[in-house]
Amino acid sequence: MLVYHPAFDIYNCVFRILQLLTHMKQEEVELDRLRIWDFYLTFPNEARNISYPSTLSELKGIFKKQTPNPYEDLIDPKRIIERMKSFQISALKCIASYGLIDSKLLAKNIIKRTQKEIPKELSDKFTELTIEKANIIKLIVGFWELPLYGRSGLKDRTGLIEFKYDQR
């Protein structure tokens, strides 16, 4: 049986990543941070499982209030984000081939937008956000100050990507 899901669609991933980069206020972002953000943009229901710092309790309240949908619950989020990795990497390479992100920095696991304009037809669609996706964008902005590595870092708080062996 074939089942479609946007998490495993390279073109949908290109769109999501460009959407994230458009809403991002910083110039550069680490690959793993962007992958985690993409996961939550794809599965906004999973944001209620994050361990929020006390400074972001407002965001925690937004996601805890949402009515859980048993059909959207993931049994193993770590496995899903790992399956998404090849699609995310391919999408980033595709975006780099169009010159929208710096390919040299991508090789160093850093994502940085270039000066090249995103086509207007596409960039107009980035502003069309559902309430869930708008909340995820708020979450991303709120979590920017959080370190990616170490105890109480983004990897630890989400539990999606292993952090114990990071070299930082």
N, C-alpha and C. Protein backbone atom coordinates (compact mmCIF):
# COMPACT_ATOMS: atom_id res chain seq x y z
N MET A 1 0.84 -1.16 0.00
CA MET A 1 0.00 0.00 0.00
C MET A 1 0.90 1.24 0.00
N LEU A 2 0.60 2.18 -0.86
CA LEU A 2 1.33 3.43 -0.92
C LEU A 2 0.58 4.48 -0.12
N VAL A 3 1.31 5.14 0.75
CA VAL A 3 0.72 6.20 1.56
C VAL A 3 1.60 7.43 1.42
N TYR A 4 0.99 8.56 1.06
CA TYR A 4 1.74 9.79 0.91
C TYR A 4 1.78 10.54 2.24
N HIS A 5 2.94 11.08 2.55
CA HIS A 5 3.06 12.00 3.68
C HIS A 5 4.06 13.08 3.30
N PRO A 6 3.73 14.36 3.57
CA PRO A 6 4.62 15.45 3.20
C PRO A 6 6.01 15.37 3.83
N ALA A 7 6.16 14.64 4.93
CA ALA A 7 7.47 14.51 5.58
C ALA A 7 8.48 13.84 4.65
N PHE A 8 7.98 13.01 3.74
CA PHE A 8 8.86 12.24 2.87
C PHE A 8 8.69 12.64 1.40
N ASP A 9 8.42 13.91 1.20
CA ASP A 9 8.28 14.49 -0.13
C ASP A 9 9.33 15.59 -0.26
N ILE A 10 10.29 15.38 -1.15
CA ILE A 10 11.41 16.33 -1.26
C ILE A 10 10.93 17.74 -1.64
N TYR A 11 9.92 17.83 -2.50
CA TYR A 11 9.44 19.15 -2.92
C TYR A 11 8.72 19.87 -1.78
N ASN A 12 7.98 19.13 -1.00
CA ASN A 12 7.35 19.72 0.18
C ASN A 12 8.41 20.15 1.18
N CYS A 13 9.47 19.38 1.29
CA CYS A 13 10.57 19.71 2.18
C CYS A 13 11.29 20.98 1.72
N VAL A 14 11.48 21.13 0.44
CA VAL A 14 12.09 22.36 -0.10
C VAL A 14 11.23 23.55 0.30
N PHE A 15 9.92 23.43 0.12
CA PHE A 15 9.01 24.50 0.47
C PHE A 15 9.09 24.83 1.96
N ARG A 16 9.05 23.80 2.82
CA ARG A 16 9.09 24.02 4.27
C ARG A 16 10.39 24.70 4.69
N ILE A 17 11.51 24.24 4.15
CA ILE A 17 12.81 24.81 4.53
C ILE A 17 12.90 26.26 4.08
N LEU A 18 12.48 26.55 2.86
CA LEU A 18 12.48 27.94 2.40
C LEU A 18 11.55 28.80 3.26
N GLN A 19 10.44 28.24 3.65
CA GLN A 19 9.51 28.95 4.53
C GLN A 19 10.18 29.26 5.88
N LEU A 20 10.86 28.28 6.43
CA LEU A 20 11.56 28.49 7.71
C LEU A 20 12.65 29.55 7.56
N LEU A 21 13.43 29.46 6.49
CA LEU A 21 14.52 30.42 6.28
C LEU A 21 13.97 31.83 6.06
N THR A 22 12.82 31.95 5.46
CA THR A 22 12.20 33.25 5.22
C THR A 22 11.77 33.90 6.54
N HIS A 23 11.24 33.10 7.44
CA HIS A 23 10.75 33.62 8.72
C HIS A 23 11.85 33.78 9.76
N MET A 24 13.00 33.18 9.50
CA MET A 24 14.11 33.22 10.45
C MET A 24 14.72 34.63 10.47
N LYS A 25 15.02 35.13 11.64
CA LYS A 25 15.58 36.47 11.78
C LYS A 25 17.11 36.46 11.71
N GLN A 26 17.74 35.32 11.96
CA GLN A 26 19.18 35.21 11.97
C GLN A 26 19.72 34.93 10.57
N GLU A 27 20.99 35.20 10.38
CA GLU A 27 21.62 34.98 9.08
C GLU A 27 21.92 33.51 8.81
N GLU A 28 22.38 32.81 9.85
CA GLU A 28 22.80 31.42 9.70
C GLU A 28 22.09 30.54 10.71
N VAL A 29 22.00 29.26 10.39
CA VAL A 29 21.41 28.29 11.31
C VAL A 29 22.14 26.96 11.13
N GLU A 30 22.30 26.24 12.22
CA GLU A 30 22.94 24.93 12.17
C GLU A 30 22.00 23.94 11.48
N LEU A 31 22.57 22.96 10.79
CA LEU A 31 21.79 21.96 10.08
C LEU A 31 20.83 21.23 11.02
N ASP A 32 21.31 20.75 12.17
CA ASP A 32 20.46 19.99 13.08
C ASP A 32 19.32 20.86 13.63
N ARG A 33 19.59 22.13 13.89
CA ARG A 33 18.53 23.02 14.38
C ARG A 33 17.44 23.16 13.31
N LEU A 34 17.85 23.34 12.07
CA LEU A 34 16.90 23.47 10.97
C LEU A 34 16.12 22.18 10.78
N ARG A 35 16.76 21.05 10.93
CA ARG A 35 16.07 19.75 10.81
C ARG A 35 15.01 19.60 11.90
N ILE A 36 15.34 20.01 13.11
CA ILE A 36 14.36 19.93 14.21
C ILE A 36 13.18 20.86 13.92
N TRP A 37 13.48 22.08 13.47
CA TRP A 37 12.41 23.02 13.14
C TRP A 37 11.51 22.45 12.05
N ASP A 38 12.12 21.85 11.03
CA ASP A 38 11.35 21.27 9.94
C ASP A 38 10.45 20.14 10.46
N PHE A 39 10.96 19.35 11.39
CA PHE A 39 10.16 18.28 11.98
C PHE A 39 8.91 18.86 12.63
N TYR A 40 9.06 19.92 13.42
CA TYR A 40 7.90 20.50 14.09
C TYR A 40 6.97 21.24 13.15
N LEU A 41 7.50 21.76 12.06
CA LEU A 41 6.64 22.38 11.05
C LEU A 41 5.80 21.30 10.36
N THR A 42 6.36 20.12 10.21
CA THR A 42 5.66 19.00 9.59
C THR A 42 4.70 18.33 10.56
N PHE A 43 5.11 18.22 11.82
CA PHE A 43 4.29 17.57 12.85
C PHE A 43 4.06 18.53 14.02
N PRO A 44 3.26 19.57 13.83
CA PRO A 44 3.07 20.57 14.90
C PRO A 44 2.48 19.98 16.18
N ASN A 45 1.75 18.89 16.06
CA ASN A 45 1.16 18.23 17.21
C ASN A 45 2.23 17.75 18.20
N GLU A 46 3.42 17.45 17.70
CA GLU A 46 4.50 16.94 18.54
C GLU A 46 5.14 18.02 19.43
N ALA A 47 4.85 19.28 19.17
CA ALA A 47 5.45 20.37 19.95
C ALA A 47 5.00 20.33 21.41
N ARG A 48 3.93 19.65 21.69
CA ARG A 48 3.47 19.55 23.09
C ARG A 48 4.37 18.65 23.93
N ASN A 49 5.25 17.88 23.27
CA ASN A 49 6.15 16.96 23.98
C ASN A 49 7.52 17.56 24.27
N ILE A 50 7.73 18.81 23.89
CA ILE A 50 9.02 19.47 24.14
C ILE A 50 9.11 19.84 25.61
N SER A 51 10.30 19.77 26.16
CA SER A 51 10.55 20.25 27.52
C SER A 51 10.90 21.74 27.41
N TYR A 52 9.94 22.60 27.72
CA TYR A 52 10.10 24.04 27.55
C TYR A 52 10.85 24.67 28.73
N PRO A 53 11.75 25.63 28.43
CA PRO A 53 12.36 26.38 29.53
C PRO A 53 11.30 27.31 30.15
N SER A 54 11.51 27.70 31.38
CA SER A 54 10.51 28.55 32.07
C SER A 54 10.29 29.87 31.35
N THR A 55 11.28 30.35 30.63
CA THR A 55 11.13 31.62 29.91
C THR A 55 10.15 31.52 28.74
N LEU A 56 9.85 30.31 28.32
CA LEU A 56 8.94 30.11 27.20
C LEU A 56 7.65 29.41 27.62
N SER A 57 7.23 29.63 28.86
CA SER A 57 6.02 28.97 29.36
C SER A 57 4.78 29.37 28.57
N GLU A 58 4.78 30.59 28.00
CA GLU A 58 3.64 31.03 27.18
C GLU A 58 3.47 30.11 25.97
N LEU A 59 4.57 29.77 25.33
CA LEU A 59 4.51 28.87 24.18
C LEU A 59 4.06 27.48 24.60
N LYS A 60 4.54 27.04 25.74
CA LYS A 60 4.15 25.72 26.25
C LYS A 60 2.64 25.67 26.39
N GLY A 61 2.05 26.74 26.92
CA GLY A 61 0.61 26.80 27.09
C GLY A 61 -0.15 26.69 25.78
N ILE A 62 0.39 27.31 24.73
CA ILE A 62 -0.26 27.26 23.42
C ILE A 62 -0.36 25.82 22.93
N PHE A 63 0.72 25.07 23.05
CA PHE A 63 0.73 23.72 22.50
C PHE A 63 0.05 22.71 23.42
N LYS A 64 0.07 22.95 24.72
CA LYS A 64 -0.60 22.04 25.64
C LYS A 64 -2.12 22.15 25.52
N LYS A 65 -2.62 23.34 25.13
CA LYS A 65 -4.06 23.56 25.00
C LYS A 65 -4.65 22.86 23.79
N GLN A 66 -3.83 22.63 22.78
CA GLN A 66 -4.35 22.01 21.57
C GLN A 66 -4.87 20.61 21.87
N THR A 67 -6.02 20.31 21.31
CA THR A 67 -6.61 19.00 21.51
C THR A 67 -5.80 17.96 20.76
N PRO A 68 -5.28 16.96 21.48
CA PRO A 68 -4.48 15.94 20.80
C PRO A 68 -5.33 15.15 19.81
N ASN A 69 -4.76 14.88 18.66
CA ASN A 69 -5.41 14.07 17.65
C ASN A 69 -4.69 12.72 17.62
N PRO A 70 -5.36 11.64 18.03
CA PRO A 70 -4.68 10.34 18.10
C PRO A 70 -4.13 9.87 16.75
N TYR A 71 -4.68 10.38 15.65
CA TYR A 71 -4.21 9.98 14.33
C TYR A 71 -2.93 10.70 13.95
N GLU A 72 -2.58 11.75 14.68
CA GLU A 72 -1.36 12.50 14.39
C GLU A 72 -0.22 12.18 15.36
N ASP A 73 -0.49 11.39 16.38
CA ASP A 73 0.55 11.03 17.34
C ASP A 73 1.55 10.08 16.69
N LEU A 74 2.81 10.37 16.93
CA LEU A 74 3.87 9.52 16.39
C LEU A 74 4.32 8.53 17.45
N ILE A 75 4.52 7.31 17.05
CA ILE A 75 4.97 6.28 17.98
C ILE A 75 6.44 6.48 18.32
N ASP A 76 7.24 6.81 17.31
CA ASP A 76 8.69 6.96 17.51
C ASP A 76 9.20 8.19 16.74
N PRO A 77 9.10 9.40 17.34
CA PRO A 77 9.55 10.62 16.65
C PRO A 77 11.02 10.59 16.24
N LYS A 78 11.88 9.95 17.05
CA LYS A 78 13.31 9.86 16.69
C LYS A 78 13.50 9.12 15.38
N ARG A 79 12.76 8.07 15.20
CA ARG A 79 12.86 7.28 13.97
C ARG A 79 12.35 8.10 12.78
N ILE A 80 11.27 8.85 12.98
CA ILE A 80 10.70 9.67 11.89
C ILE A 80 11.69 10.75 11.47
N ILE A 81 12.28 11.47 12.43
CA ILE A 81 13.22 12.54 12.05
C ILE A 81 14.45 11.94 11.36
N GLU A 82 14.82 10.74 11.75
CA GLU A 82 15.96 10.09 11.09
C GLU A 82 15.58 9.69 9.67
N ARG A 83 14.36 9.23 9.45
CA ARG A 83 13.89 8.91 8.09
C ARG A 83 13.78 10.17 7.24
N MET A 84 13.44 11.29 7.87
CA MET A 84 13.31 12.56 7.15
C MET A 84 14.66 13.13 6.72
N LYS A 85 15.73 12.71 7.38
CA LYS A 85 17.05 13.31 7.16
C LYS A 85 17.48 13.28 5.69
N SER A 86 17.34 12.18 5.02
CA SER A 86 17.77 12.11 3.61
C SER A 86 16.96 13.05 2.74
N PHE A 87 15.68 13.22 3.03
CA PHE A 87 14.85 14.15 2.27
C PHE A 87 15.26 15.59 2.57
N GLN A 88 15.57 15.86 3.83
CA GLN A 88 16.00 17.21 4.23
C GLN A 88 17.33 17.57 3.57
N ILE A 89 18.27 16.64 3.58
CA ILE A 89 19.58 16.89 2.98
C ILE A 89 19.43 17.09 1.47
N SER A 90 18.64 16.24 0.82
CA SER A 90 18.40 16.39 -0.62
C SER A 90 17.74 17.73 -0.93
N ALA A 91 16.78 18.12 -0.11
CA ALA A 91 16.10 19.40 -0.31
C ALA A 91 17.09 20.56 -0.17
N LEU A 92 17.97 20.49 0.82
CA LEU A 92 18.96 21.54 1.01
C LEU A 92 19.93 21.60 -0.17
N LYS A 93 20.34 20.45 -0.68
CA LYS A 93 21.22 20.43 -1.85
C LYS A 93 20.52 21.02 -3.07
N CYS A 94 19.24 20.74 -3.20
CA CYS A 94 18.45 21.30 -4.29
C CYS A 94 18.38 22.83 -4.16
N ILE A 95 18.11 23.30 -2.96
CA ILE A 95 18.03 24.75 -2.71
C ILE A 95 19.39 25.40 -2.99
N ALA A 96 20.47 24.72 -2.59
CA ALA A 96 21.82 25.24 -2.86
C ALA A 96 22.11 25.27 -4.36
N SER A 97 21.61 24.29 -5.09
CA SER A 97 21.85 24.27 -6.55
C SER A 97 21.17 25.44 -7.24
N TYR A 98 20.11 25.95 -6.66
CA TYR A 98 19.44 27.14 -7.21
C TYR A 98 20.09 28.44 -6.71
N GLY A 99 21.08 28.30 -5.84
CA GLY A 99 21.80 29.47 -5.34
C GLY A 99 21.06 30.23 -4.26
N LEU A 100 20.07 29.59 -3.62
CA LEU A 100 19.30 30.27 -2.57
C LEU A 100 19.95 30.14 -1.19
N ILE A 101 20.83 29.15 -1.03
CA ILE A 101 21.63 29.03 0.19
C ILE A 101 23.09 28.81 -0.23
N ASP A 102 23.99 29.12 0.68
CA ASP A 102 25.43 29.02 0.43
C ASP A 102 25.86 27.55 0.47
N SER A 103 26.31 27.03 -0.67
CA SER A 103 26.69 25.62 -0.76
C SER A 103 27.97 25.30 0.01
N LYS A 104 28.89 26.25 0.11
CA LYS A 104 30.14 26.01 0.86
C LYS A 104 29.84 25.86 2.35
N LEU A 105 28.94 26.70 2.87
CA LEU A 105 28.56 26.59 4.28
C LEU A 105 27.72 25.33 4.52
N LEU A 106 26.91 24.95 3.54
CA LEU A 106 26.12 23.73 3.67
C LEU A 106 27.03 22.53 3.90
N ALA A 107 28.18 22.50 3.23
CA ALA A 107 29.15 21.41 3.41
C ALA A 107 29.67 21.37 4.85
N LYS A 108 29.58 22.52 5.56
CA LYS A 108 30.01 22.59 6.96
C LYS A 108 28.83 22.52 7.91
N ASN A 109 27.67 22.08 7.40
CA ASN A 109 26.43 21.94 8.18
C ASN A 109 25.90 23.26 8.72
N ILE A 110 26.13 24.33 7.98
CA ILE A 110 25.58 25.65 8.31
C ILE A 110 24.72 26.08 7.13
N ILE A 111 23.53 26.56 7.43
CA ILE A 111 22.62 27.00 6.38
C ILE A 111 22.54 28.52 6.43
N LYS A 112 22.83 29.15 5.28
CA LYS A 112 22.78 30.60 5.19
C LYS A 112 22.16 31.00 3.86
N ARG A 113 21.13 31.84 3.94
CA ARG A 113 20.50 32.35 2.72
C ARG A 113 21.45 33.25 1.98
N THR A 114 21.38 33.20 0.66
CA THR A 114 22.15 34.10 -0.18
C THR A 114 21.28 35.31 -0.51
N GLN A 115 21.82 36.22 -1.29
CA GLN A 115 21.08 37.41 -1.69
C GLN A 115 20.07 37.14 -2.81
N LYS A 116 20.16 35.96 -3.41
CA LYS A 116 19.27 35.64 -4.53
C LYS A 116 17.81 35.63 -4.08
N GLU A 117 16.98 36.29 -4.84
CA GLU A 117 15.56 36.40 -4.52
C GLU A 117 14.83 35.08 -4.76
N ILE A 118 13.92 34.77 -3.85
CA ILE A 118 13.01 33.64 -4.05
C ILE A 118 11.91 34.14 -4.99
N PRO A 119 11.52 33.34 -5.98
CA PRO A 119 10.46 33.79 -6.88
C PRO A 119 9.21 34.25 -6.12
N LYS A 120 8.64 35.37 -6.56
CA LYS A 120 7.51 36.00 -5.86
C LYS A 120 6.32 35.04 -5.68
N GLU A 121 6.03 34.24 -6.71
CA GLU A 121 4.91 33.31 -6.62
C GLU A 121 5.08 32.35 -5.44
N LEU A 122 6.32 31.99 -5.18
CA LEU A 122 6.62 31.08 -4.07
C LEU A 122 6.66 31.83 -2.74
N SER A 123 7.34 32.96 -2.70
CA SER A 123 7.46 33.70 -1.44
C SER A 123 6.11 34.21 -0.94
N ASP A 124 5.17 34.47 -1.84
CA ASP A 124 3.82 34.88 -1.42
C ASP A 124 3.13 33.78 -0.63
N LYS A 125 3.41 32.54 -0.97
CA LYS A 125 2.79 31.41 -0.28
C LYS A 125 3.33 31.21 1.13
N PHE A 126 4.52 31.76 1.42
CA PHE A 126 5.12 31.60 2.75
C PHE A 126 4.33 32.35 3.82
N THR A 127 3.60 33.36 3.43
CA THR A 127 2.84 34.15 4.40
C THR A 127 1.48 33.52 4.71
N GLU A 128 1.05 32.58 3.90
CA GLU A 128 -0.22 31.88 4.12
C GLU A 128 0.01 30.79 5.16
N LEU A 129 -0.13 31.14 6.44
CA LEU A 129 0.15 30.19 7.52
C LEU A 129 -1.14 29.79 8.23
N THR A 130 -1.26 28.49 8.50
CA THR A 130 -2.34 28.04 9.37
C THR A 130 -2.00 28.48 10.79
N ILE A 131 -2.94 28.39 11.69
CA ILE A 131 -2.69 28.76 13.09
C ILE A 131 -1.58 27.88 13.67
N GLU A 132 -1.62 26.58 13.37
CA GLU A 132 -0.60 25.66 13.88
C GLU A 132 0.79 26.06 13.39
N LYS A 133 0.90 26.35 12.09
CA LYS A 133 2.21 26.70 11.53
C LYS A 133 2.68 28.06 12.05
N ALA A 134 1.76 29.00 12.26
CA ALA A 134 2.13 30.30 12.83
C ALA A 134 2.66 30.10 14.25
N ASN A 135 2.06 29.19 15.01
CA ASN A 135 2.55 28.90 16.36
C ASN A 135 3.93 28.24 16.33
N ILE A 136 4.16 27.39 15.34
CA ILE A 136 5.48 26.77 15.20
C ILE A 136 6.53 27.83 14.88
N ILE A 137 6.18 28.79 14.04
CA ILE A 137 7.11 29.88 13.73
C ILE A 137 7.41 30.67 15.01
N LYS A 138 6.41 30.92 15.85
CA LYS A 138 6.63 31.59 17.14
C LYS A 138 7.57 30.75 18.00
N LEU A 139 7.39 29.44 17.97
CA LEU A 139 8.23 28.53 18.74
C LEU A 139 9.68 28.63 18.28
N ILE A 140 9.88 28.66 16.97
CA ILE A 140 11.22 28.74 16.40
C ILE A 140 11.91 30.03 16.84
N VAL A 141 11.18 31.13 16.76
CA VAL A 141 11.74 32.42 17.19
C VAL A 141 12.06 32.37 18.68
N GLY A 142 11.18 31.77 19.49
CA GLY A 142 11.40 31.67 20.93
C GLY A 142 12.58 30.79 21.30
N PHE A 143 12.78 29.71 20.53
CA PHE A 143 13.84 28.77 20.83
C PHE A 143 15.18 29.16 20.22
N TRP A 144 15.25 30.27 19.51
CA TRP A 144 16.51 30.63 18.85
C TRP A 144 17.63 30.83 19.86
N GLU A 145 17.34 31.44 20.99
CA GLU A 145 18.37 31.74 22.00
C GLU A 145 18.89 30.48 22.69
N LEU A 146 18.13 29.42 22.61
CA LEU A 146 18.50 28.17 23.27
C LEU A 146 19.69 27.53 22.55
N PRO A 147 20.71 27.10 23.29
CA PRO A 147 21.83 26.43 22.60
C PRO A 147 21.35 25.13 21.96
N LEU A 148 22.00 24.72 20.91
CA LEU A 148 21.64 23.47 20.23
C LEU A 148 22.17 22.27 20.99
N TYR A 149 23.38 22.41 21.54
CA TYR A 149 24.09 21.28 22.15
C TYR A 149 23.99 21.29 23.66
N GLY A 150 24.31 20.13 24.26
CA GLY A 150 24.44 20.03 25.71
C GLY A 150 23.13 19.86 26.45
N ARG A 151 23.27 19.66 27.76
CA ARG A 151 22.10 19.54 28.62
C ARG A 151 21.26 20.81 28.53
N SER A 152 19.98 20.65 28.45
CA SER A 152 19.02 21.74 28.33
C SER A 152 19.12 22.49 27.01
N GLY A 153 19.86 21.95 26.06
CA GLY A 153 19.91 22.52 24.71
C GLY A 153 18.72 22.02 23.90
N LEU A 154 18.59 22.51 22.69
CA LEU A 154 17.45 22.15 21.84
C LEU A 154 17.37 20.65 21.57
N LYS A 155 18.51 20.03 21.30
CA LYS A 155 18.50 18.59 21.04
C LYS A 155 18.01 17.82 22.27
N ASP A 156 18.47 18.22 23.45
CA ASP A 156 18.07 17.55 24.68
C ASP A 156 16.58 17.79 24.97
N ARG A 157 16.13 19.02 24.84
CA ARG A 157 14.74 19.37 25.17
C ARG A 157 13.72 18.72 24.24
N THR A 158 14.11 18.51 22.98
CA THR A 158 13.18 17.87 22.04
C THR A 158 13.30 16.35 22.07
N GLY A 159 14.49 15.85 22.39
CA GLY A 159 14.71 14.41 22.42
C GLY A 159 14.72 13.77 21.04
N LEU A 160 14.85 14.58 20.00
CA LEU A 160 14.78 14.05 18.64
C LEU A 160 16.12 13.58 18.09
N ILE A 161 17.18 14.33 18.42
CA ILE A 161 18.51 14.03 17.90
C ILE A 161 19.46 13.88 19.08
N GLU A 162 20.28 12.85 19.04
CA GLU A 162 21.23 12.58 20.13
C GLU A 162 22.21 13.74 20.27
N PHE A 163 22.52 14.09 21.51
CA PHE A 163 23.43 15.22 21.75
C PHE A 163 24.65 14.83 22.59
N LYS A 164 24.65 13.67 23.17
CA LYS A 164 25.69 13.29 24.12
C LYS A 164 27.10 13.29 23.53
N TYR A 165 27.21 13.02 22.24
CA TYR A 165 28.52 12.87 21.63
C TYR A 165 28.90 14.04 20.75
N ASP A 166 28.17 15.14 20.86
CA ASP A 166 28.48 16.33 20.06
C ASP A 166 29.82 16.91 20.45
N GLN A 167 30.53 17.41 19.48
CA GLN A 167 31.85 18.01 19.69
C GLN A 167 31.73 19.52 19.83
N ARG A 168 31.16 20.02 20.87
CA ARG A 168 31.04 21.47 21.06
C ARG A 168 31.32 21.81 22.48
